[in-house]
Protein backbone atom coordinates (compact mmCIF):
# COMPACT_ATOMS: atom_id res chain seq x y z
CA MET A 1 13.42 -8.43 19.50
CA ASN A 2 11.17 -5.76 19.34
CA PHE A 3 9.30 -4.54 16.04
CA ILE A 4 8.40 -0.89 14.20
CA LEU A 5 6.17 -1.71 11.32
CA ILE A 6 5.54 1.76 9.31
CA GLN A 7 2.35 1.29 7.03
CA THR A 8 1.77 4.40 4.72
CA ASP A 9 -1.38 4.18 2.79
CA GLN A 10 -1.74 4.30 -1.21
CA GLN A 11 2.08 5.31 -1.72
CA ARG A 12 3.74 4.56 -5.11
CA ARG A 13 7.49 3.12 -4.39
CA ASP A 14 8.96 5.64 -7.49
CA MET A 15 7.81 8.70 -5.28
CA ILE A 16 10.76 8.13 -2.63
CA GLY A 17 14.04 8.82 -2.87
CA ALA A 18 15.85 5.58 -1.90
CA TYR A 19 13.61 4.23 -5.27
CA GLY A 20 14.96 6.72 -7.55
CA ASP A 21 12.77 9.76 -7.13
CA ARG A 22 14.71 13.04 -7.76
CA VAL A 23 12.41 15.42 -6.65
CA VAL A 24 10.69 14.28 -3.43
CA ARG A 25 12.71 14.43 0.04
CA THR A 26 12.47 11.50 2.17
CA PRO A 27 15.72 11.28 4.04
CA THR A 28 14.28 8.89 6.95
CA VAL A 29 13.24 6.10 4.78
CA ASP A 30 16.45 6.71 2.55
CA ARG A 31 18.87 5.86 5.35
CA LEU A 32 16.23 2.91 6.46
CA ALA A 33 17.56 1.74 3.13
CA ALA A 34 21.18 2.73 3.42
CA GLU A 35 21.35 0.60 6.65
CA GLY A 36 19.05 -2.17 6.06
CA VAL A 37 17.75 -3.87 2.93
CA LEU A 38 15.62 -2.46 0.02
CA PHE A 39 13.32 -4.56 -1.68
CA GLU A 40 13.32 -3.55 -5.60
CA ASN A 41 10.63 -5.75 -6.43
CA ALA A 42 8.02 -6.09 -3.64
CA TYR A 43 4.03 -6.10 -4.82
CA THR A 44 0.88 -6.19 -2.87
CA PRO A 45 -1.56 -9.07 -3.02
CA CYS A 46 -4.22 -6.88 -3.97
CA PRO A 47 -4.01 -3.23 -4.62
CA LEU A 48 -6.59 -1.94 -2.15
CA CYS A 49 -6.52 -1.17 1.29
CA GLY A 50 -8.83 -3.83 3.00
CA PRO A 51 -7.57 -6.66 1.11
CA ALA A 52 -4.28 -6.00 1.58
CA ARG A 53 -4.30 -4.91 5.02
CA ALA A 54 -6.18 -8.50 6.15
CA SER A 55 -3.39 -10.16 4.10
CA LEU A 56 -1.01 -8.08 6.00
CA ILE A 57 -1.98 -9.43 9.41
CA THR A 58 -3.03 -13.12 8.60
CA GLY A 59 -0.07 -13.96 5.75
CA LYS A 60 -2.97 -15.31 3.46
CA ARG A 61 -4.14 -14.05 0.19
CA PRO A 62 -7.54 -12.32 0.15
CA GLY A 63 -9.03 -15.24 -1.62
CA ARG A 64 -8.37 -17.42 1.24
CA HIS A 65 -9.06 -15.02 4.28
CA GLY A 66 -12.05 -13.69 2.46
CA ILE A 67 -11.88 -9.98 2.73
CA LEU A 68 -12.15 -8.94 -0.83
CA PHE A 69 -13.48 -5.28 -1.03
CA ASN A 70 -13.08 -2.04 0.91
CA CYS A 71 -16.04 -2.01 3.91
CA GLU A 72 -17.61 1.13 2.25
CA SER A 73 -17.66 0.00 -1.57
CA ALA A 74 -18.10 -2.56 -4.02
CA SER A 75 -20.97 -4.77 -1.74
CA PHE A 76 -23.82 -4.36 0.42
CA ALA A 77 -21.91 -4.39 3.34
CA GLY A 78 -18.47 -5.08 2.80
CA SER A 79 -16.92 -8.72 4.64
CA ASP A 80 -14.86 -9.41 7.68
CA PHE A 81 -13.05 -12.57 7.74
CA ILE A 82 -14.55 -16.39 6.70
CA GLY A 83 -13.53 -18.58 9.01
CA ARG A 84 -11.13 -18.05 12.17
CA HIS A 85 -7.37 -16.63 11.14
CA ALA A 86 -4.59 -16.35 13.69
CA THR A 87 -3.26 -12.82 13.24
CA LEU A 88 0.28 -11.88 13.71
CA ALA A 89 -0.48 -9.95 17.15
CA GLU A 90 -1.92 -13.19 18.20
CA ARG A 91 0.58 -15.09 17.49
CA LEU A 92 3.24 -12.76 18.84
CA ARG A 93 1.15 -12.39 22.07
CA ASP A 94 1.61 -16.00 23.02
CA ARG A 95 5.52 -15.08 22.94
CA GLY A 96 4.65 -12.05 25.31
CA VAL A 97 4.70 -9.37 23.01
CA ARG A 98 2.68 -6.73 23.15
CA SER A 99 1.18 -5.46 19.79
CA THR A 100 -0.37 -1.59 19.24
CA ILE A 101 -1.54 -0.38 16.21
CA CYS A 102 -1.88 3.45 15.92
CA GLY A 103 -3.51 4.71 13.19
CA LYS A 104 -5.62 3.38 9.97
CA TRP A 105 -7.00 -0.12 10.55
CA HIS A 106 -9.57 -0.66 7.58
CA VAL A 107 -9.77 -4.66 7.90
CA GLY A 108 -13.09 -5.91 7.37
CA THR A 109 -16.73 -3.88 8.25
CA ASN A 110 -16.93 -4.29 12.15
CA LEU A 111 -13.76 -5.99 12.92
CA PRO A 112 -11.69 -4.15 15.71
CA PRO A 113 -8.10 -4.12 16.15
CA ALA A 114 -8.75 -5.91 19.65
CA ASP A 115 -10.71 -8.86 18.34
CA CYS A 116 -7.09 -9.48 16.13
CA GLY A 117 -4.70 -9.42 19.03
CA PHE A 118 -4.03 -5.29 18.80
CA GLU A 119 -4.24 -2.43 21.43
CA GLY A 120 -4.99 1.15 20.23
CA VAL A 121 -7.85 3.38 19.06
CA PHE A 122 -10.31 1.69 16.65
CA TYR A 123 -11.16 4.14 13.87
CA PRO A 124 -14.21 2.47 12.15
CA GLN A 125 -14.04 1.45 8.26
CA TYR A 126 -12.14 3.69 6.23
CA GLY A 127 -11.62 5.77 9.73
CA TYR A 128 -10.26 9.05 8.71
CA PRO A 129 -10.01 10.72 12.47
CA ASP A 130 -11.39 14.34 11.36
CA ALA A 131 -14.69 13.63 13.30
CA HIS A 132 -13.21 10.55 15.94
CA PRO A 133 -13.18 11.79 19.26
CA HIS A 134 -9.81 11.11 20.29
CA TYR A 135 -8.06 12.57 17.62
CA LEU A 136 -10.79 15.77 18.41
CA ALA A 137 -9.63 15.86 22.16
CA TYR A 138 -6.08 16.07 20.65
CA LEU A 139 -6.85 18.59 18.87
CA GLU A 140 -8.71 20.42 21.76
CA ARG A 141 -5.49 19.80 24.28
CA LEU A 142 -3.39 21.93 21.52
CA GLY A 143 -5.92 24.75 21.39
CA THR A 144 -7.11 24.24 17.77
CA THR A 145 -9.90 22.33 15.53
CA PHE A 146 -9.96 20.00 12.32
CA ALA A 147 -10.17 22.81 9.77
CA PHE A 148 -8.47 23.40 6.19
CA ARG A 149 -8.73 26.18 3.61
CA ASP A 150 -7.21 25.87 -0.27
CA ALA A 151 -9.85 23.15 -0.85
CA VAL A 152 -9.36 21.52 -4.55
CA TYR A 153 -12.13 19.36 -5.56
CA SER A 154 -12.61 17.61 -8.68
CA ARG A 155 -15.48 18.24 -11.45
CA ARG A 156 -17.66 16.02 -12.96
CA PRO A 157 -18.42 15.54 -16.30
CA ASP A 158 -21.79 17.74 -15.66
CA GLY A 159 -19.63 20.65 -14.14
CA SER A 160 -20.87 19.53 -10.51
CA GLN A 161 -18.47 19.62 -8.05
CA GLY A 162 -16.46 16.12 -7.64
CA PRO A 163 -14.56 14.91 -4.61
CA LEU A 164 -12.03 16.86 -2.25
CA LEU A 165 -8.37 16.25 -3.38
CA SER A 166 -6.10 18.42 -1.65
CA ALA A 167 -6.43 21.11 1.21
CA VAL A 168 -4.29 23.00 3.42
CA GLN A 169 -4.79 22.18 7.23
CA GLU A 170 -4.70 24.88 9.21
CA GLY A 171 -3.31 25.22 12.82
CA PRO A 172 -0.30 23.90 13.96
CA GLU A 173 1.75 21.45 12.36
CA GLU A 174 1.24 19.32 15.45
CA ALA A 175 -2.09 19.37 14.80
CA SER A 176 -1.44 17.26 11.14
CA VAL A 177 -2.69 13.47 11.58
CA PRO A 178 0.55 12.12 10.90
CA HIS A 179 1.62 13.65 14.16
CA TYR A 180 -1.08 12.65 16.01
CA LEU A 181 -0.67 9.14 14.96
CA VAL A 182 3.07 9.19 15.88
CA ASP A 183 2.60 10.77 19.40
CA GLN A 184 0.19 7.30 20.00
CA ALA A 185 3.23 5.28 18.32
CA ILE A 186 5.87 7.01 20.84
CA ALA A 187 3.88 6.80 23.62
CA ALA A 188 3.50 2.95 23.15
CA VAL A 189 7.18 2.35 22.54
CA ARG A 190 8.16 4.21 25.84
CA ARG A 191 5.64 2.34 27.81
CA SER A 192 6.94 -1.08 26.57
CA ALA A 193 10.61 -0.15 26.71
CA ALA A 194 10.25 1.39 30.19
CA ALA A 195 8.21 -2.14 31.52
CA GLY A 196 11.03 -4.10 29.93
CA GLU A 197 8.25 -5.85 27.52
CA PRO A 198 8.99 -6.61 23.72
CA PHE A 199 6.72 -5.10 21.46
CA LEU A 200 5.34 -4.40 18.17
CA VAL A 201 4.26 -0.86 17.19
CA ARG A 202 2.41 -0.32 13.99
CA VAL A 203 2.20 3.05 12.68
CA ASP A 204 -0.47 3.42 9.91
CA PHE A 205 -0.68 6.65 8.36
CA TRP A 206 -3.79 8.01 5.96
CA GLY A 207 -1.02 9.14 3.71
CA PRO A 208 0.08 10.03 0.96
CA HIS A 209 -3.49 8.78 -0.19
CA THR A 210 -5.98 11.67 -1.52
CA PRO A 211 -6.83 14.02 -0.29
CA TYR A 212 -3.71 15.59 0.65
CA ILE A 213 -4.75 17.42 3.67
CA ILE A 214 -1.46 18.48 5.05
CA PRO A 215 -0.10 21.49 6.80
CA GLU A 216 1.25 24.70 5.08
CA ARG A 217 4.82 24.31 5.06
CA TYR A 218 4.47 20.81 3.04
CA ALA A 219 1.60 22.00 0.81
CA ARG A 220 3.84 24.82 -0.39
CA MET A 221 7.28 22.24 -0.15
CA TYR A 222 7.12 21.60 -3.82
CA ASP A 223 7.17 23.53 -7.07
CA PRO A 224 4.50 22.27 -9.68
CA ALA A 225 5.85 24.16 -12.27
CA ARG A 226 9.14 22.00 -11.48
CA ILE A 227 7.74 18.45 -12.07
CA ALA A 228 7.75 16.85 -15.17
CA PRO A 229 4.36 14.93 -16.40
CA TRP A 230 4.68 11.06 -15.99
CA PRO A 231 5.83 9.85 -19.21
CA ASN A 232 2.52 7.83 -19.39
CA PHE A 233 0.39 10.51 -18.68
CA GLU A 234 -0.81 11.14 -21.98
CA ASP A 235 -3.48 8.29 -22.33
CA ASP A 236 -6.48 8.02 -23.94
CA LEU A 237 -7.17 4.25 -22.30
CA ALA A 238 -9.09 3.53 -25.83
CA ALA A 239 -7.22 -0.24 -25.76
CA ARG A 240 -8.05 -1.02 -22.25
CA PRO A 241 -11.27 -1.91 -20.32
CA ALA A 242 -14.23 0.90 -20.76
CA ILE A 243 -14.10 0.97 -16.64
CA GLN A 244 -11.22 2.86 -16.84
CA ARG A 245 -12.35 5.80 -18.53
CA ALA A 246 -15.55 5.27 -16.00
CA MET A 247 -13.61 5.60 -13.49
CA LYS A 248 -11.81 8.98 -15.01
CA GLU A 249 -15.26 10.35 -14.79
CA TYR A 250 -15.87 9.08 -11.31
CA TRP A 251 -13.46 10.91 -9.68
CA GLY A 252 -14.19 14.05 -11.97
CA VAL A 253 -10.81 13.82 -13.47
CA GLN A 254 -11.29 13.08 -16.93
CA ASP A 255 -10.33 16.64 -18.31
CA PHE A 256 -7.15 17.52 -16.07
CA THR A 257 -4.47 19.04 -17.43
CA TRP A 258 -0.62 18.51 -16.19
CA ASP A 259 -0.95 21.66 -14.74
CA GLU A 260 -3.45 20.81 -12.63
CA TRP A 261 -2.15 17.19 -11.73
CA SER A 262 1.29 18.79 -11.13
CA ARG A 263 -0.42 20.68 -8.14
CA LEU A 264 -1.60 17.44 -6.89
CA VAL A 265 1.60 15.55 -7.39
CA ALA A 266 3.34 18.64 -5.55
CA LEU A 267 1.08 17.96 -2.61
CA CYS A 268 1.22 14.23 -2.86
CA TYR A 269 5.56 14.63 -2.40
CA GLY A 270 4.58 17.31 0.50
CA TYR A 271 2.31 14.47 2.51
CA ALA A 272 5.53 11.86 1.73
CA THR A 273 7.75 14.37 3.20
CA LEU A 274 5.62 15.38 6.29
CA ILE A 275 5.27 11.21 7.04
CA ASP A 276 9.06 11.19 6.53
CA ASP A 277 9.71 13.54 9.40
CA GLU A 278 7.24 12.02 11.23
CA VAL A 279 8.96 8.90 10.88
CA ALA A 280 11.93 10.36 12.06
CA ARG A 281 10.66 11.47 15.21
CA LEU A 282 9.33 8.33 16.22
CA LEU A 283 13.25 6.55 15.44
CA ASP A 284 14.45 9.31 17.67
CA ALA A 285 12.17 8.59 20.14
CA ALA A 286 12.93 4.52 20.14
CA ALA A 287 16.32 5.36 20.74
CA GLU A 288 15.88 7.79 23.38
CA ALA A 289 13.64 4.85 25.20
CA GLY A 290 16.99 2.67 24.82
CA ALA A 291 15.04 0.28 21.89
CA ALA A 292 17.10 1.34 19.39
CA ASP A 293 19.50 -1.58 19.26
CA ASP A 294 16.92 -4.24 19.43
CA THR A 295 14.41 -2.76 17.17
CA ALA A 296 13.71 -4.19 13.42
CA VAL A 297 12.11 -1.19 11.57
CA PHE A 298 9.79 -2.20 8.38
CA PHE A 299 8.77 0.39 5.92
CA THR A 300 5.93 -0.24 3.23
CA SER A 301 2.85 0.57 1.52
CA ASP A 302 -0.68 -1.24 1.41
CA HIS A 303 -0.72 -0.73 -2.29
CA GLY A 304 0.42 2.16 -4.58
CA GLY A 305 -1.83 4.89 -6.56
CA MET A 306 -1.81 6.55 -9.60
CA VAL A 307 -1.63 9.93 -8.63
CA GLY A 308 -2.29 10.97 -12.44
CA ALA A 309 -0.29 8.25 -14.29
CA HIS A 310 -2.49 7.31 -17.53
CA GLY A 311 -4.24 10.19 -16.13
CA LEU A 312 -6.06 8.41 -13.50
CA CYS A 313 -6.64 9.00 -9.87
CA ASP A 314 -6.71 6.95 -6.89
CA LYS A 315 -6.41 3.14 -6.98
CA GLY A 316 -8.79 0.81 -8.98
CA PRO A 317 -9.48 -1.59 -11.90
CA TYR A 318 -6.14 -0.58 -13.39
CA LEU A 319 -3.38 -3.24 -12.42
CA TYR A 320 -0.40 -1.15 -13.57
CA ASP A 321 2.77 -0.90 -11.74
CA GLU A 322 1.52 2.40 -9.79
CA THR A 323 -0.80 0.57 -7.73
CA VAL A 324 0.77 -2.85 -7.80
CA ARG A 325 4.23 -2.72 -6.76
CA VAL A 326 5.27 -1.09 -3.09
CA PRO A 327 8.13 -0.04 -0.95
CA LEU A 328 9.69 -2.37 0.93
CA ILE A 329 12.47 -1.48 3.02
CA ALA A 330 13.70 -3.62 6.25
CA ARG A 331 16.46 -2.49 8.79
CA VAL A 332 17.25 -5.49 11.58
CA PRO A 333 19.41 -5.59 14.11
CA GLY A 334 22.38 -8.15 13.71
CA THR A 335 22.06 -8.44 10.02
CA PRO A 336 23.48 -6.75 7.15
CA GLY A 337 22.43 -3.85 5.55
CA GLY A 338 23.18 -1.42 2.52
CA ARG A 339 21.84 -4.24 0.58
CA ARG A 340 18.98 -4.19 -2.18
CA SER A 341 17.23 -7.27 -2.93
CA LYS A 342 15.84 -8.33 -6.27
CA ALA A 343 13.66 -11.41 -4.83
CA ILE A 344 10.08 -11.39 -5.72
CA VAL A 345 8.32 -10.61 -2.49
CA TYR A 346 5.03 -9.21 -1.35
CA ASN A 347 4.04 -6.86 1.47
CA TYR A 348 2.22 -9.48 3.35
CA ASP A 349 5.40 -11.35 3.42
CA LEU A 350 6.26 -9.51 6.63
CA MET A 351 3.72 -11.24 8.92
CA PRO A 352 5.88 -14.54 8.83
CA THR A 353 8.93 -12.52 8.67
CA ILE A 354 8.38 -10.95 12.20
CA LEU A 355 6.75 -13.92 13.85
CA ASP A 356 10.46 -15.72 12.18
CA LEU A 357 12.72 -12.97 13.49
CA ALA A 358 10.37 -13.20 16.98
CA GLY A 359 11.12 -16.90 17.43
CA CYS A 360 7.73 -17.95 17.13
CA PRO A 361 6.69 -20.77 14.84
CA VAL A 362 5.95 -19.97 11.46
CA PRO A 363 2.50 -21.54 10.18
CA ASP A 364 2.78 -24.14 7.22
CA ASP A 365 -0.53 -23.02 5.94
CA LEU A 366 0.37 -19.50 4.87
CA ASP A 367 0.79 -17.81 1.52
CA ALA A 368 3.41 -15.30 2.68
CA ALA A 369 7.12 -16.59 2.91
CA SER A 370 9.41 -15.10 5.38
CA LEU A 371 11.77 -13.12 4.35
CA ALA A 372 13.97 -13.38 7.58
CA PRO A 373 16.74 -15.66 5.35
CA ILE A 374 17.23 -12.67 2.83
CA LEU A 375 17.57 -10.32 5.70
CA ARG A 376 20.17 -12.32 7.30
CA GLY A 377 22.24 -12.78 4.39
CA GLU A 378 21.21 -16.55 4.02
CA ALA A 379 19.41 -16.66 0.73
CA ASP A 380 18.41 -14.43 -2.43
CA ARG A 381 15.04 -15.38 -2.73
CA ALA A 382 11.61 -16.05 -0.48
CA ARG A 383 10.21 -18.47 -2.89
CA ASP A 384 10.69 -20.56 -6.05
CA ASP A 385 8.22 -18.37 -8.32
CA ASP A 386 9.84 -16.19 -11.02
CA ASP A 387 6.51 -14.26 -11.56
CA VAL A 388 4.32 -12.16 -9.61
CA TYR A 389 0.55 -12.98 -8.94
CA LEU A 390 -2.45 -11.07 -7.61
CA GLU A 391 -5.94 -10.49 -7.36
CA PHE A 392 -8.29 -7.57 -7.64
CA HIS A 393 -12.11 -7.98 -7.01
CA GLY A 394 -13.36 -4.09 -7.59
CA HIS A 395 -13.10 -0.96 -5.95
CA GLN A 396 -16.35 1.33 -6.49
CA ALA A 397 -17.70 -0.98 -8.54
CA PRO A 398 -17.72 -5.08 -8.32
CA TYR A 399 -14.75 -5.66 -11.04
CA ALA A 400 -12.96 -9.00 -10.85
CA GLN A 401 -9.46 -8.95 -12.48
CA ARG A 402 -6.27 -11.09 -12.18
CA MET A 403 -2.67 -10.44 -13.08
CA VAL A 404 0.52 -12.36 -13.88
CA ARG A 405 3.80 -10.25 -14.53
CA THR A 406 7.17 -11.27 -15.13
CA ALA A 407 10.87 -9.14 -15.22
CA SER A 408 9.52 -8.47 -19.12
CA ALA A 409 5.97 -8.78 -19.27
CA LYS A 410 2.74 -8.20 -17.80
CA TYR A 411 -0.89 -9.86 -18.56
CA ILE A 412 -3.79 -8.59 -17.02
CA PHE A 413 -7.25 -11.07 -17.15
CA ASN A 414 -10.26 -8.90 -17.29
CA PRO A 415 -13.31 -11.37 -17.61
CA ALA A 416 -15.96 -8.65 -18.57
CA ASP A 417 -13.77 -6.74 -21.10
CA THR A 418 -10.56 -6.51 -23.09
CA ASP A 419 -7.44 -8.49 -21.82
CA GLU A 420 -4.08 -6.33 -21.40
CA LEU A 421 -0.58 -7.50 -22.38
CA TYR A 422 2.21 -5.34 -22.19
CA ASP A 423 6.26 -5.55 -22.85
CA LEU A 424 7.55 -3.91 -20.25
CA GLU A 425 11.23 -3.89 -21.23
CA ARG A 426 10.05 -2.06 -24.54
CA ASP A 427 7.32 -0.30 -22.91
CA PRO A 428 7.98 0.22 -19.19
CA GLY A 429 4.89 2.91 -18.74
CA GLU A 430 2.22 0.31 -19.84
CA LEU A 431 0.88 2.24 -22.95
CA THR A 432 0.65 -0.16 -25.61
CA ASN A 433 -1.86 -2.86 -25.25
CA LEU A 434 -0.18 -5.89 -27.26
CA VAL A 435 -3.55 -8.27 -27.36
CA GLY A 436 -4.90 -8.55 -30.37
CA ARG A 437 -1.29 -8.07 -32.31
CA PRO A 438 -0.76 -11.35 -34.09
CA GLU A 439 3.30 -10.94 -33.70
CA HIS A 440 2.39 -11.29 -29.72
CA ALA A 441 0.60 -14.07 -29.86
CA ASP A 442 2.95 -16.19 -28.74
CA LEU A 443 3.72 -14.31 -25.60
CA LEU A 444 0.15 -13.85 -25.01
CA ASN A 445 -0.39 -17.44 -24.90
CA ALA A 446 2.49 -17.91 -22.73
CA MET A 447 1.17 -15.33 -20.44
CA ARG A 448 -2.00 -17.06 -20.28
CA ARG A 449 -0.64 -20.41 -19.46
CA ARG A 450 0.89 -18.79 -16.18
CA LEU A 451 -2.05 -17.17 -15.16
CA ARG A 452 -3.86 -20.22 -15.83
CA ALA A 453 -1.34 -22.40 -13.69
CA ARG A 454 -1.86 -19.75 -10.69
CA LEU A 455 -5.71 -20.08 -11.17
CA VAL A 456 -5.38 -24.01 -10.40
CA GLN A 457 -2.92 -23.58 -7.88
CA THR A 458 -5.20 -20.99 -5.66
CA GLU A 459 -8.40 -22.85 -6.66
CA ASP A 460 -9.77 -19.94 -8.26
CA PRO A 461 -13.65 -19.97 -8.96
CA LEU A 462 -12.50 -17.98 -12.23
CA LEU A 463 -10.73 -20.92 -13.82
CA ARG A 464 -13.95 -22.26 -15.23
CA TYR A 465 -14.76 -18.98 -16.99
CA PHE A 466 -11.20 -18.46 -18.21
CA ASP A 467 -11.19 -21.70 -19.50
CA GLY A 468 -14.25 -21.26 -21.64
CA THR A 469 -13.33 -17.90 -23.13
CA ARG A 470 -9.59 -17.83 -23.33
CA GLY A 471 -9.67 -21.32 -24.55
CA GLY A 472 -7.92 -22.74 -21.81
CA ALA A 473 -4.38 -21.33 -22.55
């Protein structure tokens, strides 16, 4: 079996048609869901690019592989793996599978894909390719350069210009970064198909992460006036950790109105549709190469993003569903399609899943679990857990958090500030923090016991502090 793994960057699951969004147009991903399995309860092990991407290729939690931060923030020099971890591509190579990554890598600080078994162009660190020689040569062949207009910047509290949030990319649509990446992926598929060799081709987009730099047609595709405010947009963050208000100022969106945010949401939608169109082009090329009938296709994202929910930008020390839940869709030849699974899964479960489907031994020391039994219709769950657990160590500034979530409640442990507790049945937007309310003390204690069990299970060094400050739950 061959594999195409599509990973977007910072894409909210609820901004995809198959997951219920009635504005965005994502017909290709929707078709994958209709023909395969859509996982309704998929999560990231850490809502940050570097740790999540490292987990995807190792099948291990960040606390085990050692990449806790993005290399460009939160520590002096970022980090690479602690110890040796055999990756997905290295294990597949033992079975003759050729693995290629096309696009964003963002694993560690200096670690290249080649050291982890992947072929492909290396974009160091965050790696957006606007100045990369390979992309610039591609643009030169098109007779254009990288340029944009209609730039939108945030504004700092002192009135100075903040980060770039969006822009219209000039030149032909073929000059867009998603088109450039899919050209690489198509070449990899055709090469392996022609050689008769099994392959794993990853295409890792830099979107719909901010800044939204997309061609004119996609930038004008959605009318901001027709986009309603998120139900949790109006949030003063008063009952939440103070760092969240600081992060609004860091991003320069502290006083953005919905009129301003709706324009950005419209561009985020446009970016999602651009990616969807490029995914269609890749899948059509795989079919033309004769590889469609024996190629499994996976679609996921490393983590979500706020995109104005709670008035917040990007991701960070806010473990709300907009950032921790991810899309995860699998279409696997020979397995029953048209299904929606309610199993609790994580995007890094794709590592043992692909090994399983490829006939490779699945190591018994992984934190991830194979989804192959679910995909084959042999099981309805991948693990015995009835809750979701994830870790976060900071972004832009070190800030440890741990989260445990059930179907009806969420508890966030903020060691340096107030904890958070949400009743997800009555408050799905996570607007009302119930910590400190006597009538919810039993729920708080129950969720703290769940979290403590996870700290024990994972040998988390925060356990001692948790016991000393939260009463041992």
